[in-house]
């Protein structure tokens, strides 16, 4: 795929994410079931987050002479070791949040609440894995 096609697809996805966010925002006002409202709120925030990530990708693509994303991050940050340590602390925090959510799941008898907590737990696991990948790829300590 050419760079131009990639940029076009990302811009289209940003429009889709923003339109979805707008639609869901309108729908949330008319939903009275709390579980449905919470899940719609999450999809709204996810679309907002996705659009922001996609904007960041476009920004990385637009940099003149940009290298691979991992290398761009490495070259652009003055103190890689401090950032790497901060990210490692975030990984630890994600694990603590996951353990807390798992305890809460064991405490509830409400299947709806358990479903929502499991969903949060899956997100925390995903964040944990992504942070570990970023640390491994973007903040390698080279000899």
N, C-alpha and C. Protein backbone atom coordinates (compact mmCIF):
# COMPACT_ATOMS: atom_id res chain seq x y z
N UNK A 1 0.86 -1.18 0.00
CA UNK A 1 0.00 0.00 0.00
C UNK A 1 0.90 1.23 0.00
N UNK A 2 0.54 2.19 -0.82
CA UNK A 2 1.33 3.41 -0.89
C UNK A 2 1.05 4.30 0.31
N UNK A 3 1.97 5.20 0.58
CA UNK A 3 1.82 6.13 1.69
C UNK A 3 0.56 6.98 1.50
N UNK A 4 0.29 7.38 0.26
CA UNK A 4 -0.89 8.21 -0.02
C UNK A 4 -2.18 7.46 0.29
N UNK A 5 -2.24 6.18 -0.08
CA UNK A 5 -3.42 5.37 0.23
C UNK A 5 -3.60 5.20 1.73
N UNK A 6 -2.50 4.98 2.42
CA UNK A 6 -2.56 4.84 3.87
C UNK A 6 -3.10 6.11 4.51
N UNK A 7 -2.59 7.25 4.09
CA UNK A 7 -3.06 8.54 4.64
C UNK A 7 -4.54 8.73 4.34
N UNK A 8 -4.95 8.40 3.13
CA UNK A 8 -6.37 8.54 2.75
C UNK A 8 -7.25 7.66 3.64
N UNK A 9 -6.83 6.40 3.82
CA UNK A 9 -7.61 5.48 4.65
C UNK A 9 -7.69 5.95 6.10
N UNK A 10 -6.59 6.45 6.61
CA UNK A 10 -6.59 6.94 8.00
C UNK A 10 -7.51 8.15 8.13
N UNK A 11 -7.46 9.06 7.18
CA UNK A 11 -8.34 10.24 7.22
C UNK A 11 -9.81 9.82 7.15
N UNK A 12 -10.12 8.84 6.31
CA UNK A 12 -11.49 8.33 6.23
C UNK A 12 -11.91 7.71 7.57
N UNK A 13 -11.00 6.96 8.19
CA UNK A 13 -11.32 6.33 9.47
C UNK A 13 -11.56 7.38 10.55
N UNK A 14 -10.80 8.46 10.52
CA UNK A 14 -11.01 9.55 11.48
C UNK A 14 -12.42 10.12 11.32
N UNK A 15 -12.85 10.31 10.09
CA UNK A 15 -14.21 10.81 9.84
C UNK A 15 -15.26 9.83 10.37
N UNK A 16 -15.04 8.55 10.13
CA UNK A 16 -15.98 7.52 10.60
C UNK A 16 -16.04 7.53 12.12
N UNK A 17 -14.89 7.56 12.77
CA UNK A 17 -14.83 7.56 14.24
C UNK A 17 -15.55 8.79 14.80
N UNK A 18 -15.30 9.95 14.22
CA UNK A 18 -15.93 11.19 14.70
C UNK A 18 -17.44 11.17 14.48
N UNK A 19 -17.88 10.66 13.33
CA UNK A 19 -19.32 10.58 13.07
C UNK A 19 -19.99 9.61 14.04
N UNK A 20 -19.34 8.49 14.29
CA UNK A 20 -19.89 7.52 15.24
C UNK A 20 -19.99 8.14 16.63
N UNK A 21 -18.96 8.83 17.04
CA UNK A 21 -18.96 9.49 18.36
C UNK A 21 -20.13 10.46 18.46
N UNK A 22 -20.36 11.24 17.42
CA UNK A 22 -21.47 12.20 17.41
C UNK A 22 -22.82 11.48 17.51
N UNK A 23 -22.98 10.42 16.74
CA UNK A 23 -24.24 9.66 16.77
C UNK A 23 -24.49 9.05 18.14
N UNK A 24 -23.46 8.44 18.70
CA UNK A 24 -23.62 7.80 20.00
C UNK A 24 -23.92 8.84 21.08
N UNK A 25 -23.29 9.99 21.00
CA UNK A 25 -23.55 11.06 21.96
C UNK A 25 -25.02 11.44 21.97
N UNK A 26 -25.62 11.50 20.80
CA UNK A 26 -27.05 11.81 20.70
C UNK A 26 -27.90 10.67 21.27
N UNK A 27 -27.51 9.44 21.00
CA UNK A 27 -28.28 8.28 21.45
C UNK A 27 -28.25 8.10 22.96
N UNK A 28 -27.13 8.42 23.57
CA UNK A 28 -26.98 8.23 25.02
C UNK A 28 -28.06 8.97 25.79
N UNK A 29 -28.46 10.12 25.30
CA UNK A 29 -29.47 10.93 25.99
C UNK A 29 -30.82 10.22 26.07
N UNK A 30 -31.08 9.31 25.14
CA UNK A 30 -32.38 8.64 25.08
C UNK A 30 -32.38 7.24 25.68
N UNK A 31 -31.25 6.79 26.16
CA UNK A 31 -31.15 5.44 26.73
C UNK A 31 -31.38 5.52 28.23
N UNK A 32 -32.24 4.65 28.73
CA UNK A 32 -32.54 4.66 30.16
C UNK A 32 -31.97 3.46 30.90
N UNK A 33 -31.58 2.42 30.17
CA UNK A 33 -30.96 1.26 30.79
C UNK A 33 -29.51 1.61 31.11
N UNK A 34 -29.13 1.49 32.38
CA UNK A 34 -27.80 1.92 32.82
C UNK A 34 -26.68 1.15 32.14
N UNK A 35 -26.82 -0.17 31.99
CA UNK A 35 -25.77 -0.97 31.35
C UNK A 35 -25.59 -0.55 29.89
N UNK A 36 -26.70 -0.37 29.18
CA UNK A 36 -26.62 0.06 27.78
C UNK A 36 -25.99 1.43 27.68
N UNK A 37 -26.37 2.32 28.58
CA UNK A 37 -25.81 3.67 28.58
C UNK A 37 -24.30 3.65 28.83
N UNK A 38 -23.88 2.81 29.78
CA UNK A 38 -22.45 2.71 30.08
C UNK A 38 -21.66 2.17 28.89
N UNK A 39 -22.20 1.16 28.23
CA UNK A 39 -21.50 0.60 27.08
C UNK A 39 -21.46 1.58 25.91
N UNK A 40 -22.54 2.32 25.71
CA UNK A 40 -22.53 3.34 24.66
C UNK A 40 -21.54 4.46 24.99
N UNK A 41 -21.48 4.82 26.25
CA UNK A 41 -20.52 5.83 26.68
C UNK A 41 -19.09 5.35 26.40
N UNK A 42 -18.85 4.08 26.66
CA UNK A 42 -17.52 3.55 26.38
C UNK A 42 -17.20 3.58 24.89
N UNK A 43 -18.16 3.19 24.05
CA UNK A 43 -17.91 3.22 22.61
C UNK A 43 -17.68 4.65 22.13
N UNK A 44 -18.39 5.60 22.74
CA UNK A 44 -18.19 7.01 22.41
C UNK A 44 -16.75 7.42 22.73
N UNK A 45 -16.30 7.09 23.93
CA UNK A 45 -14.93 7.45 24.34
C UNK A 45 -13.89 6.69 23.52
N UNK A 46 -14.18 5.43 23.18
CA UNK A 46 -13.25 4.68 22.33
C UNK A 46 -13.11 5.33 20.96
N UNK A 47 -14.21 5.76 20.37
CA UNK A 47 -14.12 6.42 19.07
C UNK A 47 -13.32 7.72 19.16
N UNK A 48 -13.54 8.45 20.23
CA UNK A 48 -12.77 9.68 20.45
C UNK A 48 -11.27 9.35 20.57
N UNK A 49 -10.97 8.32 21.35
CA UNK A 49 -9.58 7.89 21.54
C UNK A 49 -8.99 7.40 20.21
N UNK A 50 -9.73 6.61 19.46
CA UNK A 50 -9.24 6.10 18.18
C UNK A 50 -8.92 7.25 17.23
N UNK A 51 -9.79 8.24 17.17
CA UNK A 51 -9.55 9.40 16.29
C UNK A 51 -8.27 10.11 16.71
N UNK A 52 -8.03 10.25 18.01
CA UNK A 52 -6.82 10.91 18.48
C UNK A 52 -5.57 10.10 18.12
N UNK A 53 -5.64 8.79 18.25
CA UNK A 53 -4.51 7.93 17.89
C UNK A 53 -4.24 8.04 16.39
N UNK A 54 -5.30 8.00 15.61
CA UNK A 54 -5.15 8.12 14.15
C UNK A 54 -4.56 9.47 13.76
N UNK A 55 -4.96 10.55 14.45
CA UNK A 55 -4.36 11.87 14.20
C UNK A 55 -2.87 11.83 14.51
N UNK A 56 -2.50 11.16 15.60
CA UNK A 56 -1.09 11.01 15.95
C UNK A 56 -0.32 10.23 14.89
N UNK A 57 -0.96 9.21 14.34
CA UNK A 57 -0.32 8.44 13.26
C UNK A 57 -0.09 9.34 12.05
N UNK A 58 -1.10 10.13 11.70
CA UNK A 58 -0.93 11.06 10.57
C UNK A 58 0.22 12.03 10.82
N UNK A 59 0.31 12.51 12.04
CA UNK A 59 1.38 13.43 12.40
C UNK A 59 2.75 12.76 12.23
N UNK A 60 2.85 11.50 12.66
CA UNK A 60 4.11 10.77 12.51
C UNK A 60 4.44 10.55 11.03
N UNK A 61 3.42 10.27 10.23
CA UNK A 61 3.64 10.05 8.79
C UNK A 61 4.08 11.35 8.12
N UNK A 62 3.53 12.48 8.55
CA UNK A 62 3.81 13.77 7.93
C UNK A 62 5.20 14.32 8.22
N UNK A 63 5.87 13.81 9.24
CA UNK A 63 7.20 14.33 9.57
C UNK A 63 8.14 14.06 8.41
N UNK A 64 8.81 15.09 7.99
CA UNK A 64 9.77 14.95 6.87
C UNK A 64 10.92 14.05 7.29
N UNK A 65 11.23 13.11 6.45
CA UNK A 65 12.34 12.20 6.72
C UNK A 65 12.09 11.27 7.90
N UNK A 66 10.83 11.07 8.24
CA UNK A 66 10.51 10.23 9.40
C UNK A 66 10.98 8.80 9.17
N UNK A 67 11.44 8.21 10.24
CA UNK A 67 11.85 6.81 10.20
C UNK A 67 10.66 5.98 10.66
N UNK A 68 10.93 4.73 10.94
CA UNK A 68 9.88 3.90 11.52
C UNK A 68 9.42 4.53 12.82
N UNK A 69 8.18 4.30 13.19
CA UNK A 69 7.61 4.94 14.36
C UNK A 69 8.46 4.74 15.61
N UNK A 70 8.95 3.52 15.83
CA UNK A 70 9.77 3.28 17.02
C UNK A 70 11.01 4.16 17.01
N UNK A 71 11.65 4.28 15.85
CA UNK A 71 12.87 5.08 15.77
C UNK A 71 12.58 6.57 15.91
N UNK A 72 11.45 7.00 15.39
CA UNK A 72 11.06 8.40 15.53
C UNK A 72 10.91 8.75 17.00
N UNK A 73 10.27 7.88 17.76
CA UNK A 73 10.09 8.12 19.19
C UNK A 73 11.45 8.17 19.87
N UNK A 74 12.33 7.24 19.53
CA UNK A 74 13.65 7.21 20.16
C UNK A 74 14.43 8.48 19.87
N UNK A 75 14.45 8.89 18.63
CA UNK A 75 15.25 10.04 18.24
C UNK A 75 14.69 11.36 18.75
N UNK A 76 13.41 11.40 19.07
CA UNK A 76 12.81 12.68 19.42
C UNK A 76 12.77 12.94 20.91
N UNK A 77 13.15 11.97 21.74
CA UNK A 77 13.03 12.17 23.19
C UNK A 77 14.41 12.26 23.82
N UNK A 78 14.61 13.30 24.61
CA UNK A 78 15.92 13.58 25.18
C UNK A 78 16.33 12.53 26.20
N UNK A 79 15.48 12.22 27.14
CA UNK A 79 15.87 11.31 28.20
C UNK A 79 15.04 10.03 28.13
N UNK A 80 15.49 9.11 27.31
CA UNK A 80 14.75 7.86 27.07
C UNK A 80 14.64 7.01 28.33
N UNK A 81 15.65 7.03 29.15
CA UNK A 81 15.65 6.17 30.34
C UNK A 81 14.56 6.59 31.32
N UNK A 82 14.36 7.89 31.52
CA UNK A 82 13.31 8.37 32.42
C UNK A 82 11.94 7.99 31.89
N UNK A 83 11.73 8.18 30.60
CA UNK A 83 10.45 7.84 29.99
C UNK A 83 10.20 6.34 30.09
N UNK A 84 11.23 5.56 29.83
CA UNK A 84 11.09 4.11 29.93
C UNK A 84 10.69 3.71 31.34
N UNK A 85 11.33 4.30 32.34
CA UNK A 85 10.98 3.98 33.73
C UNK A 85 9.54 4.39 34.04
N UNK A 86 9.13 5.55 33.55
CA UNK A 86 7.75 5.99 33.76
C UNK A 86 6.77 5.01 33.13
N UNK A 87 7.07 4.54 31.94
CA UNK A 87 6.20 3.57 31.27
C UNK A 87 6.17 2.25 32.05
N UNK A 88 7.30 1.86 32.59
CA UNK A 88 7.33 0.63 33.40
C UNK A 88 6.46 0.80 34.64
N UNK A 89 6.45 1.99 35.23
CA UNK A 89 5.56 2.25 36.37
C UNK A 89 4.10 2.15 35.94
N UNK A 90 3.80 2.61 34.74
CA UNK A 90 2.42 2.49 34.23
C UNK A 90 2.04 1.02 34.07
N UNK A 91 2.99 0.21 33.64
CA UNK A 91 2.73 -1.23 33.51
C UNK A 91 2.37 -1.80 34.87
N UNK A 92 3.12 -1.42 35.90
CA UNK A 92 2.83 -1.90 37.25
C UNK A 92 1.46 -1.42 37.71
N UNK A 93 1.11 -0.18 37.40
CA UNK A 93 -0.19 0.36 37.77
C UNK A 93 -1.31 -0.40 37.06
N UNK A 94 -1.12 -0.69 35.79
CA UNK A 94 -2.12 -1.47 35.04
C UNK A 94 -2.33 -2.83 35.69
N UNK A 95 -1.25 -3.46 36.13
CA UNK A 95 -1.38 -4.76 36.80
C UNK A 95 -2.14 -4.63 38.11
N UNK A 96 -1.86 -3.57 38.87
CA UNK A 96 -2.57 -3.35 40.13
C UNK A 96 -4.06 -3.13 39.86
N UNK A 97 -4.38 -2.35 38.81
CA UNK A 97 -5.78 -2.11 38.47
C UNK A 97 -6.46 -3.41 38.07
N UNK A 98 -5.76 -4.25 37.32
CA UNK A 98 -6.33 -5.53 36.90
C UNK A 98 -6.62 -6.41 38.12
N UNK A 99 -5.69 -6.48 39.05
CA UNK A 99 -5.91 -7.29 40.26
C UNK A 99 -7.10 -6.76 41.05
N UNK A 100 -7.24 -5.45 41.12
CA UNK A 100 -8.36 -4.84 41.83
C UNK A 100 -9.69 -5.19 41.16
N UNK A 101 -9.73 -5.10 39.85
CA UNK A 101 -10.93 -5.43 39.08
C UNK A 101 -11.28 -6.91 39.29
N UNK A 102 -10.27 -7.77 39.26
CA UNK A 102 -10.53 -9.21 39.46
C UNK A 102 -11.13 -9.47 40.83
N UNK A 103 -10.67 -8.76 41.86
CA UNK A 103 -11.25 -8.91 43.19
C UNK A 103 -12.71 -8.46 43.19
N UNK A 104 -12.98 -7.34 42.53
CA UNK A 104 -14.35 -6.82 42.46
C UNK A 104 -15.26 -7.82 41.74
N UNK A 105 -14.75 -8.46 40.69
CA UNK A 105 -15.55 -9.45 39.95
C UNK A 105 -15.95 -10.60 40.86
N UNK A 106 -15.05 -11.00 41.75
CA UNK A 106 -15.35 -12.10 42.67
C UNK A 106 -16.39 -11.70 43.71
N UNK A 107 -16.49 -10.42 44.00
CA UNK A 107 -17.39 -9.94 45.05
C UNK A 107 -18.83 -9.76 44.59
N UNK A 108 -19.05 -9.60 43.30
CA UNK A 108 -20.40 -9.31 42.83
C UNK A 108 -21.14 -10.57 42.42
N UNK A 109 -22.43 -10.56 42.68
CA UNK A 109 -23.30 -11.64 42.23
C UNK A 109 -24.11 -11.19 41.02
N UNK A 110 -24.04 -9.91 40.71
CA UNK A 110 -24.79 -9.33 39.59
C UNK A 110 -24.03 -9.61 38.29
N UNK A 111 -24.67 -10.39 37.41
CA UNK A 111 -24.03 -10.78 36.15
C UNK A 111 -23.73 -9.58 35.26
N UNK A 112 -24.60 -8.57 35.28
CA UNK A 112 -24.37 -7.37 34.47
C UNK A 112 -23.14 -6.62 34.94
N UNK A 113 -23.01 -6.48 36.25
CA UNK A 113 -21.83 -5.81 36.80
C UNK A 113 -20.58 -6.63 36.50
N UNK A 114 -20.68 -7.94 36.66
CA UNK A 114 -19.53 -8.81 36.37
C UNK A 114 -19.11 -8.66 34.90
N UNK A 115 -20.07 -8.61 34.00
CA UNK A 115 -19.77 -8.45 32.57
C UNK A 115 -18.99 -7.16 32.33
N UNK A 116 -19.45 -6.06 32.94
CA UNK A 116 -18.77 -4.79 32.76
C UNK A 116 -17.37 -4.81 33.37
N UNK A 117 -17.23 -5.43 34.54
CA UNK A 117 -15.91 -5.53 35.17
C UNK A 117 -14.97 -6.40 34.35
N UNK A 118 -15.48 -7.49 33.78
CA UNK A 118 -14.65 -8.34 32.92
C UNK A 118 -14.17 -7.55 31.70
N UNK A 119 -15.05 -6.73 31.18
CA UNK A 119 -14.69 -5.90 30.04
C UNK A 119 -13.55 -4.95 30.40
N UNK A 120 -13.66 -4.32 31.55
CA UNK A 120 -12.60 -3.43 32.03
C UNK A 120 -11.31 -4.23 32.21
N UNK A 121 -11.42 -5.42 32.77
CA UNK A 121 -10.25 -6.28 32.96
C UNK A 121 -9.55 -6.60 31.65
N UNK A 122 -10.33 -6.91 30.61
CA UNK A 122 -9.73 -7.18 29.30
C UNK A 122 -9.00 -5.95 28.77
N UNK A 123 -9.60 -4.77 28.98
CA UNK A 123 -8.93 -3.54 28.56
C UNK A 123 -7.62 -3.35 29.31
N UNK A 124 -7.63 -3.59 30.61
CA UNK A 124 -6.40 -3.43 31.40
C UNK A 124 -5.31 -4.39 30.92
N UNK A 125 -5.69 -5.64 30.60
CA UNK A 125 -4.72 -6.60 30.06
C UNK A 125 -4.15 -6.10 28.73
N UNK A 126 -5.04 -5.58 27.89
CA UNK A 126 -4.61 -5.07 26.58
C UNK A 126 -3.66 -3.89 26.77
N UNK A 127 -3.99 -2.96 27.66
CA UNK A 127 -3.12 -1.82 27.91
C UNK A 127 -1.76 -2.29 28.41
N UNK A 128 -1.77 -3.27 29.30
CA UNK A 128 -0.55 -3.83 29.85
C UNK A 128 0.35 -4.36 28.73
N UNK A 129 -0.24 -5.14 27.83
CA UNK A 129 0.52 -5.73 26.73
C UNK A 129 1.06 -4.66 25.79
N UNK A 130 0.25 -3.65 25.50
CA UNK A 130 0.69 -2.59 24.59
C UNK A 130 1.83 -1.79 25.22
N UNK A 131 1.71 -1.45 26.49
CA UNK A 131 2.78 -0.71 27.17
C UNK A 131 4.08 -1.52 27.17
N UNK A 132 3.97 -2.81 27.40
CA UNK A 132 5.18 -3.65 27.38
C UNK A 132 5.82 -3.66 25.99
N UNK A 133 5.00 -3.70 24.96
CA UNK A 133 5.52 -3.67 23.59
C UNK A 133 6.20 -2.34 23.30
N UNK A 134 5.59 -1.25 23.71
CA UNK A 134 6.19 0.07 23.49
C UNK A 134 7.54 0.16 24.20
N UNK A 135 7.59 -0.29 25.43
CA UNK A 135 8.86 -0.27 26.18
C UNK A 135 9.91 -1.10 25.46
N UNK A 136 9.51 -2.28 25.03
CA UNK A 136 10.45 -3.19 24.38
C UNK A 136 10.95 -2.62 23.05
N UNK A 137 10.04 -2.04 22.26
CA UNK A 137 10.40 -1.59 20.92
C UNK A 137 10.96 -0.17 20.86
N UNK A 138 10.37 0.74 21.61
CA UNK A 138 10.74 2.14 21.46
C UNK A 138 11.85 2.59 22.41
N UNK A 139 12.01 1.88 23.50
CA UNK A 139 12.98 2.32 24.50
C UNK A 139 14.03 1.28 24.77
N UNK A 140 14.50 0.65 23.70
CA UNK A 140 15.59 -0.31 23.83
C UNK A 140 16.85 0.45 24.23
N UNK A 141 17.59 -0.15 25.10
CA UNK A 141 18.87 0.43 25.47
C UNK A 141 19.92 -0.20 24.56
N UNK A 142 20.49 0.65 23.71
CA UNK A 142 21.45 0.15 22.73
C UNK A 142 22.88 0.35 23.24
N UNK A 143 23.77 -0.59 22.90
CA UNK A 143 25.16 -0.45 23.33
C UNK A 143 25.86 0.70 22.65
